[in-house]
């Protein structure tokens, strides 16, 4: 099997990689880099493709996905409290204005 061949991955793993890649792209990461990171995450969780055969399975490690989720928000937390509070008040006023 050549490097980069995705034939040994399950449909679920491919869906996971697509979803992860979309998340990266929505945050401004390039398509190629998003796909690379997505497959790296899937590989880290499942240990590569799910190869067929009795006794070949093992538990899936969800830590890489959780780590990515926890990393979000650091930029916001680094801002001063007053700036975050002002932004929250402005957002609340905008939501109230648009609700009418």
PDB file of N, CA and C in Angstrom:
ATOM      1  N   UNK A   1       0.848  -1.175   0.000  1.00  0.00           N
ATOM      2  CA  UNK A   1       0.000   0.000   0.000  1.00  0.00           C
ATOM      3  C   UNK A   1       0.898   1.245   0.000  1.00  0.00           C
ATOM      4  N   UNK A   2       0.763   2.123  -1.018  1.00  0.00           N
ATOM      5  CA  UNK A   2       1.614   3.312  -1.077  1.00  0.00           C
ATOM      6  C   UNK A   2       1.263   4.318   0.020  1.00  0.00           C
ATOM      7  N   UNK A   3       2.237   5.169   0.339  1.00  0.00           N
ATOM      8  CA  UNK A   3       1.990   6.193   1.346  1.00  0.00           C
ATOM      9  C   UNK A   3       0.876   7.123   0.873  1.00  0.00           C
ATOM     10  N   UNK A   4      -0.035   7.447   1.790  1.00  0.00           N
ATOM     11  CA  UNK A   4      -1.133   8.332   1.444  1.00  0.00           C
ATOM     12  C   UNK A   4      -2.364   7.606   0.948  1.00  0.00           C
ATOM     13  N   UNK A   5      -2.281   6.283   0.769  1.00  0.00           N
ATOM     14  CA  UNK A   5      -3.430   5.503   0.303  1.00  0.00           C
ATOM     15  C   UNK A   5      -4.439   5.386   1.438  1.00  0.00           C
ATOM     16  N   UNK A   6      -5.697   5.724   1.171  1.00  0.00           N
ATOM     17  CA  UNK A   6      -6.720   5.749   2.212  1.00  0.00           C
ATOM     18  C   UNK A   6      -7.651   4.535   2.140  1.00  0.00           C
ATOM     19  N   UNK A   7      -7.281   3.502   1.397  1.00  0.00           N
ATOM     20  CA  UNK A   7      -8.182   2.367   1.201  1.00  0.00           C
ATOM     21  C   UNK A   7      -8.391   1.536   2.460  1.00  0.00           C
ATOM     22  N   UNK A   8      -7.500   1.602   3.434  1.00  0.00           N
ATOM     23  CA  UNK A   8      -7.626   0.802   4.652  1.00  0.00           C
ATOM     24  C   UNK A   8      -8.394   1.516   5.757  1.00  0.00           C
ATOM     25  N   UNK A   9      -8.881   2.725   5.488  1.00  0.00           N
ATOM     26  CA  UNK A   9      -9.649   3.459   6.479  1.00  0.00           C
ATOM     27  C   UNK A   9     -11.128   3.132   6.331  1.00  0.00           C
ATOM     28  N   UNK A  10     -11.830   3.108   7.458  1.00  0.00           N
ATOM     29  CA  UNK A  10     -13.262   2.839   7.436  1.00  0.00           C
ATOM     30  C   UNK A  10     -14.003   4.103   7.010  1.00  0.00           C
ATOM     31  N   UNK A  11     -15.294   3.932   6.677  1.00  0.00           N
ATOM     32  CA  UNK A  11     -16.113   5.083   6.314  1.00  0.00           C
ATOM     33  C   UNK A  11     -16.189   6.073   7.479  1.00  0.00           C
ATOM     34  N   UNK A  12     -16.273   5.532   8.690  1.00  0.00           N
ATOM     35  CA  UNK A  12     -16.351   6.401   9.864  1.00  0.00           C
ATOM     36  C   UNK A  12     -15.086   7.237  10.011  1.00  0.00           C
ATOM     37  N   UNK A  13     -13.927   6.618   9.790  1.00  0.00           N
ATOM     38  CA  UNK A  13     -12.678   7.370   9.897  1.00  0.00           C
ATOM     39  C   UNK A  13     -12.603   8.460   8.832  1.00  0.00           C
ATOM     40  N   UNK A  14     -13.102   8.177   7.633  1.00  0.00           N
ATOM     41  CA  UNK A  14     -13.098   9.185   6.570  1.00  0.00           C
ATOM     42  C   UNK A  14     -14.028  10.336   6.922  1.00  0.00           C
ATOM     43  N   UNK A  15     -15.199  10.016   7.509  1.00  0.00           N
ATOM     44  CA  UNK A  15     -16.118  11.075   7.937  1.00  0.00           C
ATOM     45  C   UNK A  15     -15.480  11.921   9.032  1.00  0.00           C
ATOM     46  N   UNK A  16     -14.798  11.255   9.972  1.00  0.00           N
ATOM     47  CA  UNK A  16     -14.127  12.000  11.041  1.00  0.00           C
ATOM     48  C   UNK A  16     -13.085  12.961  10.463  1.00  0.00           C
ATOM     49  N   UNK A  17     -12.293  12.470   9.523  1.00  0.00           N
ATOM     50  CA  UNK A  17     -11.252  13.314   8.918  1.00  0.00           C
ATOM     51  C   UNK A  17     -11.877  14.496   8.185  1.00  0.00           C
ATOM     52  N   UNK A  18     -12.977  14.260   7.466  1.00  0.00           N
ATOM     53  CA  UNK A  18     -13.660  15.355   6.766  1.00  0.00           C
ATOM     54  C   UNK A  18     -14.149  16.407   7.752  1.00  0.00           C
ATOM     55  N   UNK A  19     -14.739  15.948   8.845  1.00  0.00           N
ATOM     56  CA  UNK A  19     -15.286  16.868   9.838  1.00  0.00           C
ATOM     57  C   UNK A  19     -14.172  17.693  10.498  1.00  0.00           C
ATOM     58  N   UNK A  20     -13.087  17.034  10.829  1.00  0.00           N
ATOM     59  CA  UNK A  20     -11.956  17.728  11.450  1.00  0.00           C
ATOM     60  C   UNK A  20     -11.366  18.747  10.480  1.00  0.00           C
ATOM     61  N   UNK A  21     -11.231  18.352   9.202  1.00  0.00           N
ATOM     62  CA  UNK A  21     -10.682  19.258   8.185  1.00  0.00           C
ATOM     63  C   UNK A  21     -11.582  20.481   8.010  1.00  0.00           C
ATOM     64  N   UNK A  22     -12.897  20.281   7.998  1.00  0.00           N
ATOM     65  CA  UNK A  22     -13.820  21.411   7.864  1.00  0.00           C
ATOM     66  C   UNK A  22     -13.652  22.380   9.027  1.00  0.00           C
ATOM     67  N   UNK A  23     -13.454  21.838  10.211  1.00  0.00           N
ATOM     68  CA  UNK A  23     -13.276  22.681  11.385  1.00  0.00           C
ATOM     69  C   UNK A  23     -12.017  23.530  11.254  1.00  0.00           C
ATOM     70  N   UNK A  24     -10.930  22.914  10.806  1.00  0.00           N
ATOM     71  CA  UNK A  24      -9.692  23.670  10.613  1.00  0.00           C
ATOM     72  C   UNK A  24      -9.867  24.742   9.540  1.00  0.00           C
ATOM     73  N   UNK A  25     -10.539  24.395   8.428  1.00  0.00           N
ATOM     74  CA  UNK A  25     -10.727  25.357   7.336  1.00  0.00           C
ATOM     75  C   UNK A  25     -11.563  26.542   7.795  1.00  0.00           C
ATOM     76  N   UNK A  26     -12.563  26.283   8.652  1.00  0.00           N
ATOM     77  CA  UNK A  26     -13.401  27.380   9.138  1.00  0.00           C
ATOM     78  C   UNK A  26     -12.608  28.335  10.018  1.00  0.00           C
ATOM     79  N   UNK A  27     -11.460  27.866  10.545  1.00  0.00           N
ATOM     80  CA  UNK A  27     -10.602  28.717  11.374  1.00  0.00           C
ATOM     81  C   UNK A  27      -9.472  29.329  10.567  1.00  0.00           C
ATOM     82  N   UNK A  28      -9.501  29.185   9.239  1.00  0.00           N
ATOM     83  CA  UNK A  28      -8.539  29.874   8.390  1.00  0.00           C
ATOM     84  C   UNK A  28      -7.318  29.073   7.988  1.00  0.00           C
ATOM     85  N   UNK A  29      -7.286  27.776   8.277  1.00  0.00           N
ATOM     86  CA  UNK A  29      -6.153  26.942   7.872  1.00  0.00           C
ATOM     87  C   UNK A  29      -6.343  26.552   6.404  1.00  0.00           C
ATOM     88  N   UNK A  30      -5.267  26.501   5.638  1.00  0.00           N
ATOM     89  CA  UNK A  30      -5.372  26.151   4.214  1.00  0.00           C
ATOM     90  C   UNK A  30      -5.914  24.733   4.053  1.00  0.00           C
ATOM     91  N   UNK A  31      -6.475  24.442   2.876  1.00  0.00           N
ATOM     92  CA  UNK A  31      -7.091  23.133   2.614  1.00  0.00           C
ATOM     93  C   UNK A  31      -6.104  21.994   2.804  1.00  0.00           C
ATOM     94  N   UNK A  32      -4.901  22.138   2.227  1.00  0.00           N
ATOM     95  CA  UNK A  32      -3.906  21.061   2.326  1.00  0.00           C
ATOM     96  C   UNK A  32      -3.471  20.824   3.773  1.00  0.00           C
ATOM     97  N   UNK A  33      -3.229  21.906   4.486  1.00  0.00           N
ATOM     98  CA  UNK A  33      -2.799  21.784   5.880  1.00  0.00           C
ATOM     99  C   UNK A  33      -3.923  21.212   6.742  1.00  0.00           C
ATOM    100  N   UNK A  34      -5.171  21.626   6.463  1.00  0.00           N
ATOM    101  CA  UNK A  34      -6.312  21.112   7.223  1.00  0.00           C
ATOM    102  C   UNK A  34      -6.464  19.607   7.016  1.00  0.00           C
ATOM    103  N   UNK A  35      -6.306  19.162   5.777  1.00  0.00           N
ATOM    104  CA  UNK A  35      -6.420  17.722   5.498  1.00  0.00           C
ATOM    105  C   UNK A  35      -5.283  16.950   6.174  1.00  0.00           C
ATOM    106  N   UNK A  36      -4.077  17.496   6.132  1.00  0.00           N
ATOM    107  CA  UNK A  36      -2.936  16.836   6.772  1.00  0.00           C
ATOM    108  C   UNK A  36      -3.162  16.694   8.274  1.00  0.00           C
ATOM    109  N   UNK A  37      -3.606  17.769   8.897  1.00  0.00           N
ATOM    110  CA  UNK A  37      -3.858  17.730  10.340  1.00  0.00           C
ATOM    111  C   UNK A  37      -5.004  16.774  10.680  1.00  0.00           C
ATOM    112  N   UNK A  38      -6.034  16.764   9.836  1.00  0.00           N
ATOM    113  CA  UNK A  38      -7.187  15.902  10.096  1.00  0.00           C
ATOM    114  C   UNK A  38      -6.778  14.431  10.083  1.00  0.00           C
ATOM    115  N   UNK A  39      -6.020  14.018   9.060  1.00  0.00           N
ATOM    116  CA  UNK A  39      -5.604  12.616   8.993  1.00  0.00           C
ATOM    117  C   UNK A  39      -4.605  12.285  10.103  1.00  0.00           C
ATOM    118  N   UNK A  40      -3.793  13.247  10.510  1.00  0.00           N
ATOM    119  CA  UNK A  40      -2.876  13.018  11.622  1.00  0.00           C
ATOM    120  C   UNK A  40      -3.660  12.758  12.902  1.00  0.00           C
ATOM    121  N   UNK A  41      -4.752  13.491  13.083  1.00  0.00           N
ATOM    122  CA  UNK A  41      -5.583  13.298  14.271  1.00  0.00           C
ATOM    123  C   UNK A  41      -6.257  11.933  14.244  1.00  0.00           C
ATOM    124  N   UNK A  42      -6.803  11.551  13.087  1.00  0.00           N
ATOM    125  CA  UNK A  42      -7.456  10.240  12.957  1.00  0.00           C
ATOM    126  C   UNK A  42      -6.438   9.129  13.218  1.00  0.00           C
ATOM    127  N   UNK A  43      -5.243   9.273  12.661  1.00  0.00           N
ATOM    128  CA  UNK A  43      -4.197   8.258  12.873  1.00  0.00           C
ATOM    129  C   UNK A  43      -3.801   8.164  14.338  1.00  0.00           C
ATOM    130  N   UNK A  44      -3.701   9.311  14.999  1.00  0.00           N
ATOM    131  CA  UNK A  44      -3.312   9.330  16.398  1.00  0.00           C
ATOM    132  C   UNK A  44      -4.374   8.651  17.270  1.00  0.00           C
ATOM    133  N   UNK A  45      -5.650   8.865  16.918  1.00  0.00           N
ATOM    134  CA  UNK A  45      -6.737   8.286  17.690  1.00  0.00           C
ATOM    135  C   UNK A  45      -6.849   6.777  17.489  1.00  0.00           C
ATOM    136  N   UNK A  46      -6.811   6.341  16.241  1.00  0.00           N
ATOM    137  CA  UNK A  46      -7.110   4.936  15.933  1.00  0.00           C
ATOM    138  C   UNK A  46      -5.871   4.106  15.651  1.00  0.00           C
ATOM    139  N   UNK A  47      -4.704   4.733  15.584  1.00  0.00           N
ATOM    140  CA  UNK A  47      -3.494   3.983  15.277  1.00  0.00           C
ATOM    141  C   UNK A  47      -3.383   3.617  13.819  1.00  0.00           C
ATOM    142  N   UNK A  48      -3.935   4.424  12.933  1.00  0.00           N
ATOM    143  CA  UNK A  48      -3.891   4.150  11.499  1.00  0.00           C
ATOM    144  C   UNK A  48      -5.200   3.565  11.012  1.00  0.00           C
ATOM    145  N   UNK A  49      -5.172   2.997   9.815  1.00  0.00           N
ATOM    146  CA  UNK A  49      -6.370   2.396   9.237  1.00  0.00           C
ATOM    147  C   UNK A  49      -6.822   1.193  10.035  1.00  0.00           C
ATOM    148  N   UNK A  50      -8.116   0.913  10.006  1.00  0.00           N
ATOM    149  CA  UNK A  50      -8.670  -0.248  10.693  1.00  0.00           C
ATOM    150  C   UNK A  50      -8.515  -1.457   9.777  1.00  0.00           C
ATOM    151  N   UNK A  51      -7.466  -2.203   9.984  1.00  0.00           N
ATOM    152  CA  UNK A  51      -7.192  -3.350   9.132  1.00  0.00           C
ATOM    153  C   UNK A  51      -8.101  -4.507   9.520  1.00  0.00           C
ATOM    154  N   UNK A  52      -8.536  -5.279   8.542  1.00  0.00           N
ATOM    155  CA  UNK A  52      -9.432  -6.384   8.805  1.00  0.00           C
ATOM    156  C   UNK A  52      -8.667  -7.552   9.418  1.00  0.00           C
ATOM    157  N   UNK A  53      -9.381  -8.411  10.094  1.00  0.00           N
ATOM    158  CA  UNK A  53      -8.774  -9.593  10.683  1.00  0.00           C
ATOM    159  C   UNK A  53      -9.140  -9.746  12.139  1.00  0.00           C
ATOM    160  N   UNK A  54      -9.213 -10.980  12.588  1.00  0.00           N
ATOM    161  CA  UNK A  54      -9.610 -11.256  13.955  1.00  0.00           C
ATOM    162  C   UNK A  54      -8.520 -10.827  14.942  1.00  0.00           C
ATOM    163  N   UNK A  55      -8.933 -10.181  16.010  1.00  0.00           N
ATOM    164  CA  UNK A  55      -8.005  -9.807  17.064  1.00  0.00           C
ATOM    165  C   UNK A  55      -7.110  -8.634  16.743  1.00  0.00           C
ATOM    166  N   UNK A  56      -7.431  -7.875  15.686  1.00  0.00           N
ATOM    167  CA  UNK A  56      -6.562  -6.758  15.305  1.00  0.00           C
ATOM    168  C   UNK A  56      -7.029  -5.431  15.886  1.00  0.00           C
ATOM    169  N   UNK A  57      -8.230  -5.427  16.473  1.00  0.00           N
ATOM    170  CA  UNK A  57      -8.784  -4.174  16.958  1.00  0.00           C
ATOM    171  C   UNK A  57      -8.199  -3.746  18.290  1.00  0.00           C
ATOM    172  N   UNK A  58      -8.307  -2.462  18.579  1.00  0.00           N
ATOM    173  CA  UNK A  58      -7.896  -1.931  19.867  1.00  0.00           C
ATOM    174  C   UNK A  58      -8.706  -0.681  20.162  1.00  0.00           C
ATOM    175  N   UNK A  59      -8.695  -0.242  21.393  1.00  0.00           N
ATOM    176  CA  UNK A  59      -9.501   0.900  21.817  1.00  0.00           C
ATOM    177  C   UNK A  59      -9.053   2.176  21.110  1.00  0.00           C
ATOM    178  N   UNK A  60     -10.009   3.070  20.932  1.00  0.00           N
ATOM    179  CA  UNK A  60      -9.735   4.357  20.296  1.00  0.00           C
ATOM    180  C   UNK A  60      -9.412   5.375  21.380  1.00  0.00           C
ATOM    181  N   UNK A  61      -8.340   6.133  21.182  1.00  0.00           N
ATOM    182  CA  UNK A  61      -7.897   7.158  22.125  1.00  0.00           C
ATOM    183  C   UNK A  61      -8.437   8.513  21.668  1.00  0.00           C
ATOM    184  N   UNK A  62      -9.375   9.092  22.412  1.00  0.00           N
ATOM    185  CA  UNK A  62     -10.003  10.361  22.025  1.00  0.00           C
ATOM    186  C   UNK A  62      -9.219  11.590  22.499  1.00  0.00           C
ATOM    187  N   UNK A  63      -8.098  11.405  23.162  1.00  0.00           N
ATOM    188  CA  UNK A  63      -7.347  12.529  23.719  1.00  0.00           C
ATOM    189  C   UNK A  63      -6.953  13.585  22.677  1.00  0.00           C
ATOM    190  N   UNK A  64      -6.511  13.210  21.458  1.00  0.00           N
ATOM    191  CA  UNK A  64      -6.125  14.246  20.500  1.00  0.00           C
ATOM    192  C   UNK A  64      -7.264  15.202  20.143  1.00  0.00           C
ATOM    193  N   UNK A  65      -8.484  14.689  20.004  1.00  0.00           N
ATOM    194  CA  UNK A  65      -9.624  15.551  19.688  1.00  0.00           C
ATOM    195  C   UNK A  65      -9.954  16.453  20.863  1.00  0.00           C
ATOM    196  N   UNK A  66      -9.896  15.910  22.059  1.00  0.00           N
ATOM    197  CA  UNK A  66     -10.184  16.715  23.243  1.00  0.00           C
ATOM    198  C   UNK A  66      -9.148  17.820  23.398  1.00  0.00           C
ATOM    199  N   UNK A  67      -7.897  17.501  23.113  1.00  0.00           N
ATOM    200  CA  UNK A  67      -6.828  18.491  23.230  1.00  0.00           C
ATOM    201  C   UNK A  67      -7.106  19.665  22.296  1.00  0.00           C
ATOM    202  N   UNK A  68      -7.482  19.385  21.062  1.00  0.00           N
ATOM    203  CA  UNK A  68      -7.761  20.450  20.107  1.00  0.00           C
ATOM    204  C   UNK A  68      -8.888  21.344  20.572  1.00  0.00           C
ATOM    205  N   UNK A  69      -9.926  20.750  21.142  1.00  0.00           N
ATOM    206  CA  UNK A  69     -11.047  21.531  21.634  1.00  0.00           C
ATOM    207  C   UNK A  69     -10.674  22.408  22.815  1.00  0.00           C
ATOM    208  N   UNK A  70      -9.811  21.901  23.685  1.00  0.00           N
ATOM    209  CA  UNK A  70      -9.424  22.668  24.866  1.00  0.00           C
ATOM    210  C   UNK A  70      -8.494  23.820  24.522  1.00  0.00           C
ATOM    211  N   UNK A  71      -7.751  23.698  23.425  1.00  0.00           N
ATOM    212  CA  UNK A  71      -6.808  24.754  23.059  1.00  0.00           C
ATOM    213  C   UNK A  71      -7.513  26.020  22.606  1.00  0.00           C
ATOM    214  N   UNK A  72      -8.747  25.898  22.115  1.00  0.00           N
ATOM    215  CA  UNK A  72      -9.480  27.058  21.636  1.00  0.00           C
ATOM    216  C   UNK A  72      -9.751  28.055  22.744  1.00  0.00           C
ATOM    217  N   UNK A  73      -9.795  29.334  22.405  1.00  0.00           N
ATOM    218  CA  UNK A  73     -10.149  30.352  23.368  1.00  0.00           C
ATOM    219  C   UNK A  73      -8.980  30.989  24.095  1.00  0.00           C
ATOM    220  N   UNK A  74      -7.763  30.572  23.810  1.00  0.00           N
ATOM    221  CA  UNK A  74      -6.615  31.151  24.512  1.00  0.00           C
ATOM    222  C   UNK A  74      -6.442  32.635  24.175  1.00  0.00           C
ATOM    223  N   UNK A  75      -6.708  33.004  22.932  1.00  0.00           N
ATOM    224  CA  UNK A  75      -6.545  34.396  22.536  1.00  0.00           C
ATOM    225  C   UNK A  75      -7.538  35.274  23.283  1.00  0.00           C
ATOM    226  N   UNK A  76      -8.765  34.789  23.419  1.00  0.00           N
ATOM    227  CA  UNK A  76      -9.782  35.554  24.132  1.00  0.00           C
ATOM    228  C   UNK A  76      -9.420  35.694  25.606  1.00  0.00           C
ATOM    229  N   UNK A  77      -8.928  34.627  26.197  1.00  0.00           N
ATOM    230  CA  UNK A  77      -8.585  34.652  27.620  1.00  0.00           C
ATOM    231  C   UNK A  77      -7.410  35.586  27.899  1.00  0.00           C
ATOM    232  N   UNK A  78      -6.575  35.824  26.905  1.00  0.00           N
ATOM    233  CA  UNK A  78      -5.406  36.674  27.096  1.00  0.00           C
ATOM    234  C   UNK A  78      -5.774  38.163  27.079  1.00  0.00           C
ATOM    235  N   UNK A  79      -6.976  38.483  26.579  1.00  0.00           N
ATOM    236  CA  UNK A  79      -7.394  39.886  26.528  1.00  0.00           C
ATOM    237  C   UNK A  79      -7.750  40.389  27.924  1.00  0.00           C
ATOM    238  N   UNK A  80      -7.641  41.682  28.144  1.00  0.00           N
ATOM    239  CA  UNK A  80      -8.009  42.238  29.448  1.00  0.00           C
ATOM    240  C   UNK A  80      -9.496  42.014  29.748  1.00  0.00           C
ATOM    241  N   UNK A  81      -9.823  41.918  31.026  1.00  0.00           N
ATOM    242  CA  UNK A  81     -11.206  41.676  31.437  1.00  0.00           C
ATOM    243  C   UNK A  81     -12.140  42.758  30.922  1.00  0.00           C
ATOM    244  N   UNK A  82     -11.709  44.002  30.964  1.00  0.00           N
ATOM    245  CA  UNK A  82     -12.554  45.118  30.519  1.00  0.00           C
ATOM    246  C   UNK A  82     -12.890  44.999  29.030  1.00  0.00           C
ATOM    247  N   UNK A  83     -11.918  44.574  28.240  1.00  0.00           N
ATOM    248  CA  UNK A  83     -12.152  44.432  26.801  1.00  0.00           C
ATOM    249  C   UNK A  83     -13.148  43.311  26.521  1.00  0.00           C
ATOM    250  N   UNK A  84     -13.002  42.197  27.246  1.00  0.00           N
ATOM    251  CA  UNK A  84     -13.935  41.082  27.053  1.00  0.00           C
ATOM    252  C   UNK A  84     -15.338  41.464  27.501  1.00  0.00           C
ATOM    253  N   UNK A  85     -15.416  42.193  28.602  1.00  0.00           N
ATOM    254  CA  UNK A  85     -16.717  42.620  29.119  1.00  0.00           C
ATOM    255  C   UNK A  85     -17.403  43.575  28.139  1.00  0.00           C
ATOM    256  N   UNK A  86     -16.634  44.506  27.594  1.00  0.00           N
ATOM    257  CA  UNK A  86     -17.195  45.459  26.633  1.00  0.00           C
ATOM    258  C   UNK A  86     -17.693  44.733  25.385  1.00  0.00           C
ATOM    259  N   UNK A  87     -16.939  43.750  24.928  1.00  0.00           N
ATOM    260  CA  UNK A  87     -17.349  42.989  23.749  1.00  0.00           C
ATOM    261  C   UNK A  87     -18.632  42.202  24.031  1.00  0.00           C
ATOM    262  N   UNK A  88     -18.738  41.636  25.219  1.00  0.00           N
ATOM    263  CA  UNK A  88     -19.936  40.881  25.591  1.00  0.00           C
ATOM    264  C   UNK A  88     -21.157  41.790  25.648  1.00  0.00           C
ATOM    265  N   UNK A  89     -20.986  42.995  26.211  1.00  0.00           N
ATOM    266  CA  UNK A  89     -22.097  43.950  26.300  1.00  0.00           C
ATOM    267  C   UNK A  89     -22.529  44.404  24.900  1.00  0.00           C
ATOM    268  N   UNK A  90     -21.551  44.623  24.042  1.00  0.00           N
ATOM    269  CA  UNK A  90     -21.855  45.045  22.673  1.00  0.00           C
ATOM    270  C   UNK A  90     -22.599  43.932  21.935  1.00  0.00           C
ATOM    271  N   UNK A  91     -22.178  42.679  22.119  1.00  0.00           N
ATOM    272  CA  UNK A  91     -22.840  41.553  21.467  1.00  0.00           C
ATOM    273  C   UNK A  91     -24.264  41.394  21.965  1.00  0.00           C
ATOM    274  N   UNK A  92     -24.468  41.575  23.280  1.00  0.00           N
ATOM    275  CA  UNK A  92     -25.809  41.461  23.847  1.00  0.00           C
ATOM    276  C   UNK A  92     -26.720  42.541  23.275  1.00  0.00           C
ATOM    277  N   UNK A  93     -26.184  43.756  23.149  1.00  0.00           N
ATOM    278  CA  UNK A  93     -26.994  44.855  22.577  1.00  0.00           C
ATOM    279  C   UNK A  93     -27.342  44.564  21.127  1.00  0.00           C
ATOM    280  N   UNK A  94     -26.416  44.005  20.377  1.00  0.00           N
ATOM    281  CA  UNK A  94     -26.657  43.671  18.981  1.00  0.00           C
ATOM    282  C   UNK A  94     -27.745  42.604  18.868  1.00  0.00           C
ATOM    283  N   UNK A  95     -27.660  41.556  19.711  1.00  0.00           N
ATOM    284  CA  UNK A  95     -28.681  40.495  19.686  1.00  0.00           C
ATOM    285  C   UNK A  95     -30.054  41.056  20.035  1.00  0.00           C
ATOM    286  N   UNK A  96     -30.096  41.952  21.028  1.00  0.00           N
ATOM    287  CA  UNK A  96     -31.363  42.543  21.439  1.00  0.00           C
ATOM    288  C   UNK A  96     -31.945  43.398  20.311  1.00  0.00           C
ATOM    289  N   UNK A  97     -31.093  44.177  19.668  1.00  0.00           N
ATOM    290  CA  UNK A  97     -31.533  45.045  18.571  1.00  0.00           C
ATOM    291  C   UNK A  97     -32.067  44.232  17.388  1.00  0.00           C
ATOM    292  N   UNK A  98     -31.384  43.121  17.066  1.00  0.00           N
ATOM    293  CA  UNK A  98     -31.781  42.300  15.908  1.00  0.00           C
ATOM    294  C   UNK A  98     -32.992  41.422  16.195  1.00  0.00           C
ATOM    295  N   UNK A  99     -33.284  41.190  17.454  1.00  0.00           N
ATOM    296  CA  UNK A  99     -34.431  40.354  17.822  1.00  0.00           C
ATOM    297  C   UNK A  99     -35.755  41.053  17.522  1.00  0.00           C
ATOM    298  N   UNK A 100     -35.734  42.390  17.465  1.00  0.00           N
ATOM    299  CA  UNK A 100     -36.964  43.155  17.230  1.00  0.00           C
ATOM    300  C   UNK A 100     -37.462  43.022  15.829  1.00  0.00           C
TER     301      UNK A 100
END
